[in-house]
Amino acid sequence: MKLVRYGNKGAENPGLIDGAGALRDLSGHVADIDAMATSAAGLARLGRLDPSSLPAVAGKPRLGVPVAEVGKIVAIGLNYSDHAAEAGMQVPKEPVVFMKATSALSGPFDPVMLPKDSAKTDWEVELAVVIGTTARYVEEKDALRFVAGYTICNDVSERSYQLERGGTWDKGKSCDSFAPLGPWLVTGDEVPDPQRLGLWLEVNGTRMQRGSTANMIFGVAVLVAYVSRFMTLLPGDVLITGTPAGVGMGRKPPQYLKPGDVMRLGIDALGEQRQEVVAWRAG
């Protein structure tokens, strides 16, 4: 299934994309695409629905973050060796873990707003994993059972805040609009192997990133098991899994985002995103 949340920001409705690509309303069956809906039992109930019986949604409404009430965003850095090389950093022996604030979440087609005094805002296409079942000290062989599904995240990053201002990476990763998520949550049954997905990103029509999740240093099952040893992963939590080479910081000379730029990005079987970059504004 492809589960979505559509409508104005803060007032999204639950929906489903049917086999023909049409948006169907799910509000008669679930209150939201929340932890209850994305649990194993909740997904089983939704899977028994006949999409053609659901009301069709007219027009092309805005798509929001496909999962409601995200508790935390756990991010993995330097998880592709080619990206570690372009960043001038060693391939890690263990996953590099940091956090993105949930206030950075935005819809897959919402604008990305440069933070005030931004100098080096960059792009990163990433596979995002949505947790469906509480995960605590899970084994790698069992880890994918705790996954509700997958979506796309653009891990937008202000490099000067991340790398030149001391402390952790979080403040360069958590600005408003720096975590576009979506367009939909594709349930795990439709992604039998998350390590066989191509991913790409373009800026102003030029392909910047092209890679495959097959080249992750630490795969999804490893990451879920690893992170669950340091913190409990709860239903609705999002784990973003790193980016391949091709970020602006790694170009010669470096290239960063400016107002008016347009990013397009996608992952096999998970759809596409598009964001226009806008200048910082109050409010």
Protein backbone atom coordinates (compact mmCIF):
# COMPACT_ATOMS: atom_id res chain seq x y z
CA MET A 1 0.00 0.00 0.00
CA LYS A 2 0.90 3.62 -0.51
CA LEU A 3 -0.41 5.65 2.43
CA VAL A 4 -0.56 9.44 2.35
CA ARG A 5 -1.72 12.44 4.32
CA TYR A 6 -3.25 15.21 2.22
CA GLY A 7 -4.62 18.69 2.82
CA ASN A 8 -3.51 21.93 4.39
CA LYS A 9 -0.58 21.84 6.79
CA GLY A 10 -1.77 20.88 10.24
CA ALA A 11 -5.12 19.64 8.96
CA GLU A 12 -4.14 16.69 6.81
CA ASN A 13 -6.48 13.77 6.10
CA PRO A 14 -5.46 10.11 5.76
CA GLY A 15 -5.44 8.66 2.27
CA LEU A 16 -4.31 5.86 0.03
CA ILE A 17 -2.95 5.81 -3.53
CA ASP A 18 -4.74 3.11 -5.52
CA GLY A 19 -3.28 0.92 -8.26
CA ALA A 20 -4.15 3.50 -10.93
CA GLY A 21 -2.40 6.29 -9.01
CA ALA A 22 -5.61 7.95 -7.79
CA LEU A 23 -5.89 9.41 -4.31
CA ARG A 24 -8.55 7.78 -2.10
CA ASP A 25 -9.83 9.03 1.24
CA LEU A 26 -9.29 6.81 4.30
CA SER A 27 -10.92 9.02 6.92
CA GLY A 28 -13.88 6.64 7.21
CA HIS A 29 -11.53 3.93 8.42
CA VAL A 30 -8.69 5.61 10.35
CA ALA A 31 -8.32 8.93 12.11
CA ASP A 32 -4.83 9.45 10.72
CA ILE A 33 -1.76 7.63 9.41
CA ASP A 34 -0.52 7.28 12.96
CA ALA A 35 1.06 4.62 15.16
CA MET A 36 -2.19 2.68 15.35
CA ALA A 37 -2.69 2.69 11.57
CA THR A 38 0.91 1.66 10.84
CA SER A 39 1.04 -1.13 13.43
CA ALA A 40 1.02 -4.67 12.08
CA ALA A 41 -2.66 -5.03 12.98
CA GLY A 42 -3.52 -1.61 11.56
CA LEU A 43 -1.79 -2.29 8.24
CA ALA A 44 -3.50 -5.69 8.03
CA ARG A 45 -6.91 -4.01 8.44
CA LEU A 46 -6.13 -1.42 5.79
CA GLY A 47 -4.80 -4.12 3.48
CA ARG A 48 -8.20 -5.84 3.51
CA LEU A 49 -9.93 -2.75 2.13
CA ASP A 50 -10.94 -2.58 -1.52
CA PRO A 51 -9.42 0.71 -2.72
CA SER A 52 -12.19 1.12 -5.31
CA SER A 53 -14.70 1.31 -2.45
CA LEU A 54 -12.98 4.36 -0.95
CA PRO A 55 -14.08 7.89 -1.92
CA ALA A 56 -11.94 9.44 -4.64
CA VAL A 57 -10.33 12.78 -3.76
CA ALA A 58 -10.85 15.45 -6.39
CA GLY A 59 -8.09 17.68 -7.68
CA LYS A 60 -4.48 17.64 -6.57
CA PRO A 61 -4.36 18.56 -2.90
CA ARG A 62 -1.14 19.22 -1.08
CA LEU A 63 0.60 16.13 0.30
CA GLY A 64 1.92 16.40 3.83
CA VAL A 65 4.33 14.32 5.87
CA PRO A 66 2.98 10.78 5.29
CA VAL A 67 3.19 9.76 8.96
CA ALA A 68 1.49 11.64 11.79
CA GLU A 69 2.99 12.31 15.20
CA VAL A 70 6.61 11.44 14.39
CA GLY A 71 8.30 11.07 17.77
CA LYS A 72 11.90 11.40 16.63
CA ILE A 73 14.05 11.44 13.52
CA VAL A 74 17.21 9.38 13.93
CA ALA A 75 19.78 9.99 11.18
CA ILE A 76 22.83 8.06 10.05
CA GLY A 77 25.86 9.91 8.68
CA LEU A 78 28.57 8.79 6.25
CA ASN A 79 26.74 5.56 5.37
CA TYR A 80 27.98 5.41 1.76
CA SER A 81 31.72 5.11 1.26
CA ASP A 82 31.69 7.43 -1.77
CA HIS A 83 30.02 10.16 0.31
CA ALA A 84 32.50 9.71 3.16
CA ALA A 85 35.31 10.13 0.62
CA GLU A 86 33.89 13.34 -0.87
CA ALA A 87 33.41 14.72 2.66
CA GLY A 88 37.06 13.94 3.43
CA MET A 89 36.10 11.65 6.31
CA GLN A 90 37.00 8.07 7.14
CA VAL A 91 34.54 5.25 6.55
CA PRO A 92 33.03 4.66 10.00
CA LYS A 93 33.54 1.40 11.88
CA GLU A 94 30.14 1.81 13.52
CA PRO A 95 27.11 3.80 12.36
CA VAL A 96 27.36 7.55 12.95
CA VAL A 97 24.13 8.54 14.71
CA PHE A 98 22.68 12.04 15.07
CA MET A 99 19.20 13.54 15.36
CA LYS A 100 17.05 15.89 13.32
CA ALA A 101 14.37 17.89 15.12
CA THR A 102 10.80 16.96 14.23
CA SER A 103 10.13 20.68 13.72
CA ALA A 104 12.20 20.31 10.51
CA LEU A 105 9.53 18.07 8.95
CA SER A 106 7.69 19.31 5.88
CA GLY A 107 5.73 17.90 2.98
CA PRO A 108 7.47 16.46 -0.09
CA PHE A 109 6.50 19.40 -2.31
CA ASP A 110 6.64 22.21 0.25
CA PRO A 111 9.34 24.89 -0.20
CA VAL A 112 12.70 24.54 1.52
CA MET A 113 13.45 27.76 3.37
CA LEU A 114 17.06 28.81 3.79
CA PRO A 115 17.80 29.66 7.41
CA LYS A 116 18.71 33.22 8.36
CA ASP A 117 22.34 33.94 7.43
CA SER A 118 22.64 30.63 5.55
CA ALA A 119 25.85 30.28 3.57
CA LYS A 120 26.18 26.57 2.75
CA THR A 121 22.81 24.83 2.57
CA ASP A 122 23.12 21.46 0.85
CA TRP A 123 20.98 18.53 -0.36
CA GLU A 124 20.96 14.81 0.52
CA VAL A 125 18.53 12.20 -0.88
CA GLU A 126 17.99 9.41 1.65
CA LEU A 127 15.93 6.27 2.20
CA ALA A 128 13.71 6.80 5.24
CA VAL A 129 12.52 3.91 7.37
CA VAL A 130 9.30 4.24 9.40
CA ILE A 131 9.10 2.12 12.54
CA GLY A 132 5.85 0.21 13.05
CA THR A 133 6.52 -1.79 16.22
CA THR A 134 8.42 -0.81 19.38
CA ALA A 135 12.05 -1.90 18.87
CA ARG A 136 14.35 -2.42 21.82
CA TYR A 137 17.50 -4.59 21.63
CA VAL A 138 16.28 -6.33 18.47
CA GLU A 139 18.40 -8.79 16.54
CA GLU A 140 19.49 -8.03 12.98
CA LYS A 141 17.75 -11.14 11.65
CA ASP A 142 14.43 -9.88 13.06
CA ALA A 143 14.88 -6.15 12.48
CA LEU A 144 12.77 -5.69 9.34
CA ARG A 145 9.74 -7.06 11.21
CA PHE A 146 9.75 -3.81 13.17
CA VAL A 147 9.49 -1.67 10.01
CA ALA A 148 6.10 -0.36 8.87
CA GLY A 149 7.40 0.90 5.55
CA TYR A 150 9.65 3.24 3.62
CA THR A 151 9.60 6.72 2.17
CA ILE A 152 11.99 9.44 0.94
CA CYS A 153 13.72 12.13 2.96
CA ASN A 154 15.73 15.08 1.68
CA ASP A 155 18.19 15.52 4.56
CA VAL A 156 18.76 19.21 3.89
CA SER A 157 21.88 20.41 5.72
CA GLU A 158 23.43 23.80 6.46
CA ARG A 159 27.12 22.81 6.33
CA SER A 160 28.52 25.88 8.08
CA TYR A 161 26.18 25.29 11.03
CA GLN A 162 26.92 21.55 10.95
CA LEU A 163 30.70 21.59 10.67
CA GLU A 164 32.01 25.05 11.55
CA ARG A 165 30.05 26.06 14.64
CA GLY A 166 31.30 23.45 17.13
CA GLY A 167 29.37 20.72 18.91
CA THR A 168 27.14 18.13 17.25
CA TRP A 169 25.80 18.06 13.71
CA ASP A 170 22.20 18.55 14.84
CA LYS A 171 22.00 22.32 14.51
CA GLY A 172 22.99 22.14 10.85
CA LYS A 173 20.32 19.51 10.20
CA SER A 174 17.27 20.76 12.10
CA CYS A 175 16.29 24.10 10.59
CA ASP A 176 12.64 24.55 9.62
CA SER A 177 11.76 22.71 6.37
CA PHE A 178 15.02 20.68 6.43
CA ALA A 179 13.27 17.27 6.47
CA PRO A 180 10.88 16.98 3.52
CA LEU A 181 9.30 13.51 3.88
CA GLY A 182 7.14 11.60 1.41
CA PRO A 183 5.35 11.58 -0.93
CA TRP A 184 3.85 8.46 0.63
CA LEU A 185 4.61 5.64 3.00
CA VAL A 186 5.13 2.45 1.01
CA THR A 187 4.43 -0.52 3.26
CA GLY A 188 7.15 -3.09 3.81
CA ASP A 189 5.38 -5.84 1.86
CA GLU A 190 5.91 -3.79 -1.32
CA VAL A 191 9.65 -3.38 -0.65
CA PRO A 192 10.92 -6.93 -0.13
CA ASP A 193 14.57 -5.86 -0.22
CA PRO A 194 15.38 -2.28 0.89
CA GLN A 195 18.99 -2.82 -0.22
CA ARG A 196 18.09 -2.88 -3.92
CA LEU A 197 16.73 0.61 -4.49
CA GLY A 198 18.17 3.24 -6.81
CA LEU A 199 18.12 6.84 -5.58
CA TRP A 200 18.85 10.15 -7.28
CA LEU A 201 18.62 13.93 -6.89
CA GLU A 202 18.66 16.83 -9.34
CA VAL A 203 19.16 20.57 -8.82
CA ASN A 204 17.74 22.81 -11.56
CA GLY A 205 17.50 19.80 -13.88
CA THR A 206 21.11 18.67 -13.43
CA ARG A 207 21.62 15.23 -11.93
CA MET A 208 23.78 15.63 -8.81
CA GLN A 209 23.33 12.34 -7.01
CA ARG A 210 22.87 8.83 -8.31
CA GLY A 211 23.34 5.75 -6.18
CA SER A 212 21.90 2.53 -4.82
CA THR A 213 21.02 1.39 -1.34
CA ALA A 214 23.04 -1.73 -2.21
CA ASN A 215 26.09 0.43 -1.49
CA MET A 216 25.18 1.32 2.08
CA ILE A 217 27.96 0.54 4.54
CA PHE A 218 25.32 -0.50 7.09
CA GLY A 219 22.04 -1.82 5.70
CA VAL A 220 18.56 -1.14 7.06
CA ALA A 221 18.39 -4.28 9.22
CA VAL A 222 21.79 -3.51 10.74
CA LEU A 223 20.77 0.07 11.48
CA VAL A 224 17.44 -0.79 13.13
CA ALA A 225 19.16 -3.38 15.31
CA TYR A 226 22.08 -1.06 16.13
CA VAL A 227 20.04 2.02 17.02
CA SER A 228 17.64 -0.07 19.14
CA ARG A 229 20.56 -0.80 21.46
CA PHE A 230 20.98 2.87 22.31
CA MET A 231 17.39 4.10 22.32
CA THR A 232 13.94 2.58 22.05
CA LEU A 233 12.48 3.05 18.59
CA LEU A 234 8.76 3.72 18.83
CA PRO A 235 5.98 3.37 16.25
CA GLY A 236 6.08 6.41 14.00
CA ASP A 237 9.77 7.12 14.54
CA VAL A 238 11.73 7.78 11.36
CA LEU A 239 15.25 6.50 10.65
CA ILE A 240 17.05 8.13 7.72
CA THR A 241 19.88 6.06 6.39
CA GLY A 242 22.53 8.21 4.73
CA THR A 243 23.20 9.63 1.27
CA PRO A 244 25.41 8.69 -1.70
CA ALA A 245 28.03 10.96 -3.24
CA GLY A 246 27.06 14.08 -5.14
CA VAL A 247 26.24 16.60 -2.43
CA GLY A 248 27.08 20.24 -2.99
CA MET A 249 29.85 20.23 -0.39
CA GLY A 250 31.75 17.61 -2.40
CA ARG A 251 31.72 19.48 -5.71
CA LYS A 252 34.76 21.39 -6.94
CA PRO A 253 34.14 24.19 -6.31
CA PRO A 254 31.40 23.53 -3.73
CA GLN A 255 27.87 24.39 -4.82
CA TYR A 256 25.16 25.36 -2.37
CA LEU A 257 21.47 26.17 -2.62
CA LYS A 258 20.14 29.66 -3.30
CA PRO A 259 16.64 31.11 -3.56
CA GLY A 260 14.92 30.00 -6.77
CA ASP A 261 16.75 26.68 -7.04
CA VAL A 262 14.56 23.61 -7.56
CA MET A 263 15.39 20.15 -6.22
CA ARG A 264 13.86 16.94 -7.57
CA LEU A 265 14.67 13.60 -5.98
CA GLY A 266 13.39 10.05 -6.03
CA ILE A 267 13.88 6.46 -4.98
CA ASP A 268 12.80 3.37 -6.91
CA ALA A 269 9.29 2.23 -5.91
CA LEU A 270 8.91 5.15 -3.46
CA GLY A 271 8.05 8.06 -5.75
CA GLU A 272 9.51 11.53 -6.15
CA GLN A 273 9.76 14.85 -4.33
CA ARG A 274 10.16 18.41 -5.60
CA GLN A 275 11.08 21.50 -3.59
CA GLU A 276 11.69 25.11 -4.53
CA VAL A 277 14.26 26.91 -2.38
CA VAL A 278 13.11 30.18 -0.84
CA ALA A 279 14.80 32.85 1.25
CA TRP A 280 14.36 33.00 5.00
CA ARG A 281 11.30 34.87 6.16
CA ALA A 282 9.91 35.50 9.63
CA GLY A 283 6.72 33.82 10.78
